[in-house]
Amino acid sequence: MNPPANAGAGPAARSWVREPWPWILMSGPAAVIVAGAATIWLALASADGLVADDYYKRGLAINQVLAREENARRLGVQARIESAHGRLRVALAGAAPEALFAQLAHATRAGHDVRLRLARVGAGVYEAELPQLPAGRWRVSLEDPRREWRVVQEGL
């Protein structure tokens, strides 16, 4: 009589698929592969709005911009900016141009920046329709049509 094939071999051997340790050891590299793929997708799908293509020209032009802001201080130009009910309203003191231009710049995404022409609706009061803006910090730059002065305010 022949003994059974597994006699003396101890407990029956289980398949590796049923063991927890191979899965535990493979989960770390698998998570890294998934995270790397997600990072690559984010890098390719989103634009880098913080880096300007013409950074050198912007650096050279900064003195001209500062001179316009200093000119606004010298002329006593002050602005109070309000946004409500889909309208941008600016109360301007110290100047009275026929129109006013407002550049709304998003803090981190240049693709959302908006330039508006505000029409005079009263003595020193200018208004324009305000498009739907995404949430975030906004910088508002006001300037006259001849680009002689500029007023900059944070927040909207």
C-alpha atoms as a PDB file:
ATOM      1  CA  MET A   1       0.000   0.000   0.000  1.00  0.00           C
ATOM      2  CA  ASN A   2       1.396   3.372  -1.042  1.00  0.00           C
ATOM      3  CA  PRO A   3       1.252   6.353   1.326  1.00  0.00           C
ATOM      4  CA  PRO A   4      -0.738   9.438   0.237  1.00  0.00           C
ATOM      5  CA  ALA A   5       1.222  11.970  -1.834  1.00  0.00           C
ATOM      6  CA  ASN A   6       1.177  14.656   0.834  1.00  0.00           C
ATOM      7  CA  ALA A   7       1.932  12.417   3.778  1.00  0.00           C
ATOM      8  CA  GLY A   8       4.616  13.891   5.970  1.00  0.00           C
ATOM      9  CA  ALA A   9       4.722  17.180   4.032  1.00  0.00           C
ATOM     10  CA  GLY A  10       2.907  19.146   6.727  1.00  0.00           C
ATOM     11  CA  PRO A  11      -0.136  21.317   6.064  1.00  0.00           C
ATOM     12  CA  ALA A  12      -1.405  21.634   2.521  1.00  0.00           C
ATOM     13  CA  ALA A  13       0.416  24.394   0.544  1.00  0.00           C
ATOM     14  CA  ARG A  14      -1.751  27.409  -0.353  1.00  0.00           C
ATOM     15  CA  SER A  15      -1.551  29.283  -3.618  1.00  0.00           C
ATOM     16  CA  TRP A  16       0.359  32.634  -3.464  1.00  0.00           C
ATOM     17  CA  VAL A  17      -2.828  34.418  -4.545  1.00  0.00           C
ATOM     18  CA  ARG A  18      -4.386  33.544  -1.209  1.00  0.00           C
ATOM     19  CA  GLU A  19      -1.432  34.801   0.835  1.00  0.00           C
ATOM     20  CA  PRO A  20      -1.676  38.416   2.172  1.00  0.00           C
ATOM     21  CA  TRP A  21       2.053  39.313   2.074  1.00  0.00           C
ATOM     22  CA  PRO A  22       2.530  39.440  -1.714  1.00  0.00           C
ATOM     23  CA  TRP A  23      -0.449  41.816  -1.960  1.00  0.00           C
ATOM     24  CA  ILE A  24       0.830  43.972   0.883  1.00  0.00           C
ATOM     25  CA  LEU A  25       4.270  44.193  -0.720  1.00  0.00           C
ATOM     26  CA  MET A  26       2.821  45.030  -4.160  1.00  0.00           C
ATOM     27  CA  SER A  27       0.464  47.729  -2.857  1.00  0.00           C
ATOM     28  CA  GLY A  28       3.282  50.286  -2.250  1.00  0.00           C
ATOM     29  CA  PRO A  29       4.705  50.268  -5.809  1.00  0.00           C
ATOM     30  CA  ALA A  30       1.170  50.161  -7.241  1.00  0.00           C
ATOM     31  CA  ALA A  31       0.218  53.291  -5.271  1.00  0.00           C
ATOM     32  CA  VAL A  32       3.357  55.069  -6.519  1.00  0.00           C
ATOM     33  CA  ILE A  33       2.513  54.213 -10.138  1.00  0.00           C
ATOM     34  CA  VAL A  34      -1.034  55.556  -9.751  1.00  0.00           C
ATOM     35  CA  ALA A  35       0.191  58.758  -8.031  1.00  0.00           C
ATOM     36  CA  GLY A  36       2.843  59.288 -10.727  1.00  0.00           C
ATOM     37  CA  ALA A  37       0.265  58.888 -13.489  1.00  0.00           C
ATOM     38  CA  ALA A  38      -2.031  61.407 -11.758  1.00  0.00           C
ATOM     39  CA  THR A  39       0.857  63.877 -11.388  1.00  0.00           C
ATOM     40  CA  ILE A  40       1.787  63.583 -15.065  1.00  0.00           C
ATOM     41  CA  TRP A  41      -1.834  64.123 -16.071  1.00  0.00           C
ATOM     42  CA  LEU A  42      -2.081  67.260 -13.881  1.00  0.00           C
ATOM     43  CA  ALA A  43       1.159  68.647 -15.276  1.00  0.00           C
ATOM     44  CA  LEU A  44       0.033  68.198 -18.876  1.00  0.00           C
ATOM     45  CA  ALA A  45      -3.620  69.202 -18.435  1.00  0.00           C
ATOM     46  CA  SER A  46      -3.178  72.493 -16.542  1.00  0.00           C
ATOM     47  CA  ALA A  47      -1.458  75.654 -17.684  1.00  0.00           C
ATOM     48  CA  ASP A  48       1.186  77.309 -15.564  1.00  0.00           C
ATOM     49  CA  GLY A  49      -0.366  80.753 -15.174  1.00  0.00           C
ATOM     50  CA  LEU A  50       2.343  82.046 -12.855  1.00  0.00           C
ATOM     51  CA  VAL A  51       5.127  82.100 -15.447  1.00  0.00           C
ATOM     52  CA  ALA A  52       5.046  84.889 -18.023  1.00  0.00           C
ATOM     53  CA  ASP A  53       6.399  84.226 -21.495  1.00  0.00           C
ATOM     54  CA  ASP A  54       7.772  87.756 -21.795  1.00  0.00           C
ATOM     55  CA  TYR A  55       9.185  88.118 -18.283  1.00  0.00           C
ATOM     56  CA  TYR A  56      12.183  90.138 -19.487  1.00  0.00           C
ATOM     57  CA  LYS A  57      10.031  92.771 -21.225  1.00  0.00           C
ATOM     58  CA  ARG A  58       7.773  92.971 -18.178  1.00  0.00           C
ATOM     59  CA  GLY A  59      10.790  93.545 -15.986  1.00  0.00           C
ATOM     60  CA  LEU A  60      11.953  96.418 -18.172  1.00  0.00           C
ATOM     61  CA  ALA A  61       8.486  97.985 -18.234  1.00  0.00           C
ATOM     62  CA  ILE A  62       8.002  97.981 -14.454  1.00  0.00           C
ATOM     63  CA  ASN A  63       9.412 101.513 -14.102  1.00  0.00           C
ATOM     64  CA  GLN A  64       6.800 102.865 -16.514  1.00  0.00           C
ATOM     65  CA  VAL A  65       4.033 101.216 -14.479  1.00  0.00           C
ATOM     66  CA  LEU A  66       5.404 102.600 -11.232  1.00  0.00           C
ATOM     67  CA  ALA A  67       5.579 106.065 -12.777  1.00  0.00           C
ATOM     68  CA  ARG A  68       1.863 105.903 -13.674  1.00  0.00           C
ATOM     69  CA  GLU A  69       0.960 104.878 -10.112  1.00  0.00           C
ATOM     70  CA  GLU A  70       3.067 107.737  -8.756  1.00  0.00           C
ATOM     71  CA  ASN A  71       1.321 110.098 -11.187  1.00  0.00           C
ATOM     72  CA  ALA A  72      -2.069 108.979  -9.787  1.00  0.00           C
ATOM     73  CA  ARG A  73      -0.867 109.757  -6.247  1.00  0.00           C
ATOM     74  CA  ARG A  74       0.440 113.142  -7.360  1.00  0.00           C
ATOM     75  CA  LEU A  75      -2.907 113.986  -9.024  1.00  0.00           C
ATOM     76  CA  GLY A  76      -4.841 112.819  -5.949  1.00  0.00           C
ATOM     77  CA  VAL A  77      -6.728 110.094  -7.809  1.00  0.00           C
ATOM     78  CA  GLN A  78      -8.509 107.746  -5.417  1.00  0.00           C
ATOM     79  CA  ALA A  79     -11.009 104.999  -6.157  1.00  0.00           C
ATOM     80  CA  ARG A  80     -13.613 103.041  -4.232  1.00  0.00           C
ATOM     81  CA  ILE A  81     -14.516  99.787  -5.985  1.00  0.00           C
ATOM     82  CA  GLU A  82     -17.735  97.848  -5.400  1.00  0.00           C
ATOM     83  CA  SER A  83     -19.161  94.782  -7.080  1.00  0.00           C
ATOM     84  CA  ALA A  84     -22.782  93.783  -6.626  1.00  0.00           C
ATOM     85  CA  HIS A  85     -25.602  92.327  -8.694  1.00  0.00           C
ATOM     86  CA  GLY A  86     -23.348  91.589 -11.669  1.00  0.00           C
ATOM     87  CA  ARG A  87     -22.075  95.178 -11.927  1.00  0.00           C
ATOM     88  CA  LEU A  88     -18.708  96.748 -11.199  1.00  0.00           C
ATOM     89  CA  ARG A  89     -19.041 100.264  -9.771  1.00  0.00           C
ATOM     90  CA  VAL A  90     -16.155 102.665  -9.200  1.00  0.00           C
ATOM     91  CA  ALA A  91     -16.399 105.978  -7.366  1.00  0.00           C
ATOM     92  CA  LEU A  92     -13.434 108.066  -8.510  1.00  0.00           C
ATOM     93  CA  ALA A  93     -12.083 111.192  -6.847  1.00  0.00           C
ATOM     94  CA  GLY A  94      -9.435 113.511  -8.268  1.00  0.00           C
ATOM     95  CA  ALA A  95     -10.045 112.837 -11.968  1.00  0.00           C
ATOM     96  CA  ALA A  96     -12.988 112.736 -14.352  1.00  0.00           C
ATOM     97  CA  PRO A  97     -12.235 111.000 -17.657  1.00  0.00           C
ATOM     98  CA  GLU A  98     -15.121 110.096 -19.983  1.00  0.00           C
ATOM     99  CA  ALA A  99     -14.433 106.402 -19.477  1.00  0.00           C
ATOM    100  CA  LEU A 100     -12.316 104.230 -17.252  1.00  0.00           C
ATOM    101  CA  PHE A 101     -10.594 100.916 -17.908  1.00  0.00           C
ATOM    102  CA  ALA A 102     -10.404  98.182 -15.302  1.00  0.00           C
ATOM    103  CA  GLN A 103      -8.091  95.178 -15.506  1.00  0.00           C
ATOM    104  CA  LEU A 104      -9.250  92.376 -13.177  1.00  0.00           C
ATOM    105  CA  ALA A 105      -6.345  89.985 -12.662  1.00  0.00           C
ATOM    106  CA  HIS A 106      -6.762  86.649 -10.891  1.00  0.00           C
ATOM    107  CA  ALA A 107      -3.988  86.005  -8.380  1.00  0.00           C
ATOM    108  CA  THR A 108      -2.893  82.665  -9.867  1.00  0.00           C
ATOM    109  CA  ARG A 109      -4.681  82.045 -13.163  1.00  0.00           C
ATOM    110  CA  ALA A 110      -4.002  84.517 -15.932  1.00  0.00           C
ATOM    111  CA  GLY A 111      -6.551  82.789 -18.159  1.00  0.00           C
ATOM    112  CA  HIS A 112      -9.356  84.267 -16.054  1.00  0.00           C
ATOM    113  CA  ASP A 113      -8.171  87.890 -16.309  1.00  0.00           C
ATOM    114  CA  VAL A 114     -10.776  90.372 -17.576  1.00  0.00           C
ATOM    115  CA  ARG A 115     -10.475  93.889 -19.034  1.00  0.00           C
ATOM    116  CA  LEU A 116     -13.549  96.112 -18.790  1.00  0.00           C
ATOM    117  CA  ARG A 117     -14.480  99.547 -20.070  1.00  0.00           C
ATOM    118  CA  LEU A 118     -16.477 101.450 -17.466  1.00  0.00           C
ATOM    119  CA  ALA A 119     -18.769 104.222 -18.661  1.00  0.00           C
ATOM    120  CA  ARG A 120     -19.428 107.348 -16.621  1.00  0.00           C
ATOM    121  CA  VAL A 121     -22.923 107.261 -15.107  1.00  0.00           C
ATOM    122  CA  GLY A 122     -22.614 110.246 -12.788  1.00  0.00           C
ATOM    123  CA  ALA A 123     -20.160 112.690 -11.284  1.00  0.00           C
ATOM    124  CA  GLY A 124     -17.088 110.557 -10.635  1.00  0.00           C
ATOM    125  CA  VAL A 125     -19.086 107.305 -10.826  1.00  0.00           C
ATOM    126  CA  TYR A 126     -18.360 104.629 -13.424  1.00  0.00           C
ATOM    127  CA  GLU A 127     -20.092 101.293 -14.068  1.00  0.00           C
ATOM    128  CA  ALA A 128     -19.791  98.212 -16.244  1.00  0.00           C
ATOM    129  CA  GLU A 129     -21.392  94.808 -16.404  1.00  0.00           C
ATOM    130  CA  LEU A 130     -19.282  92.298 -14.498  1.00  0.00           C
ATOM    131  CA  PRO A 131     -19.041  88.780 -15.931  1.00  0.00           C
ATOM    132  CA  GLN A 132     -19.205  85.737 -13.674  1.00  0.00           C
ATOM    133  CA  LEU A 133     -15.791  85.459 -12.007  1.00  0.00           C
ATOM    134  CA  PRO A 134     -14.322  82.357 -10.386  1.00  0.00           C
ATOM    135  CA  ALA A 135     -13.594  82.465  -6.676  1.00  0.00           C
ATOM    136  CA  GLY A 136     -10.179  83.656  -5.598  1.00  0.00           C
ATOM    137  CA  ARG A 137      -8.119  86.752  -4.957  1.00  0.00           C
ATOM    138  CA  TRP A 138      -8.418  89.503  -7.551  1.00  0.00           C
ATOM    139  CA  ARG A 139      -6.279  92.546  -8.252  1.00  0.00           C
ATOM    140  CA  VAL A 140      -8.051  95.516  -9.831  1.00  0.00           C
ATOM    141  CA  SER A 141      -6.088  98.066 -11.882  1.00  0.00           C
ATOM    142  CA  LEU A 142      -7.912 101.229 -12.938  1.00  0.00           C
ATOM    143  CA  GLU A 143      -6.507 103.556 -15.588  1.00  0.00           C
ATOM    144  CA  ASP A 144      -7.587 106.464 -17.691  1.00  0.00           C
ATOM    145  CA  PRO A 145      -7.991 106.069 -21.481  1.00  0.00           C
ATOM    146  CA  ARG A 146      -4.755 107.995 -22.191  1.00  0.00           C
ATOM    147  CA  ARG A 147      -2.813 105.728 -19.794  1.00  0.00           C
ATOM    148  CA  GLU A 148      -1.407 108.655 -17.823  1.00  0.00           C
ATOM    149  CA  TRP A 149      -2.227 107.296 -14.366  1.00  0.00           C
ATOM    150  CA  ARG A 150      -3.127 103.984 -12.751  1.00  0.00           C
ATOM    151  CA  VAL A 151      -4.681 102.970  -9.409  1.00  0.00           C
ATOM    152  CA  VAL A 152      -4.249  99.402  -8.124  1.00  0.00           C
ATOM    153  CA  GLN A 153      -6.284  97.754  -5.379  1.00  0.00           C
ATOM    154  CA  GLU A 154      -6.316  94.224  -4.014  1.00  0.00           C
ATOM    155  CA  GLY A 155      -9.645  92.468  -3.631  1.00  0.00           C
ATOM    156  CA  LEU A 156     -12.969  92.726  -5.329  1.00  0.00           C
END
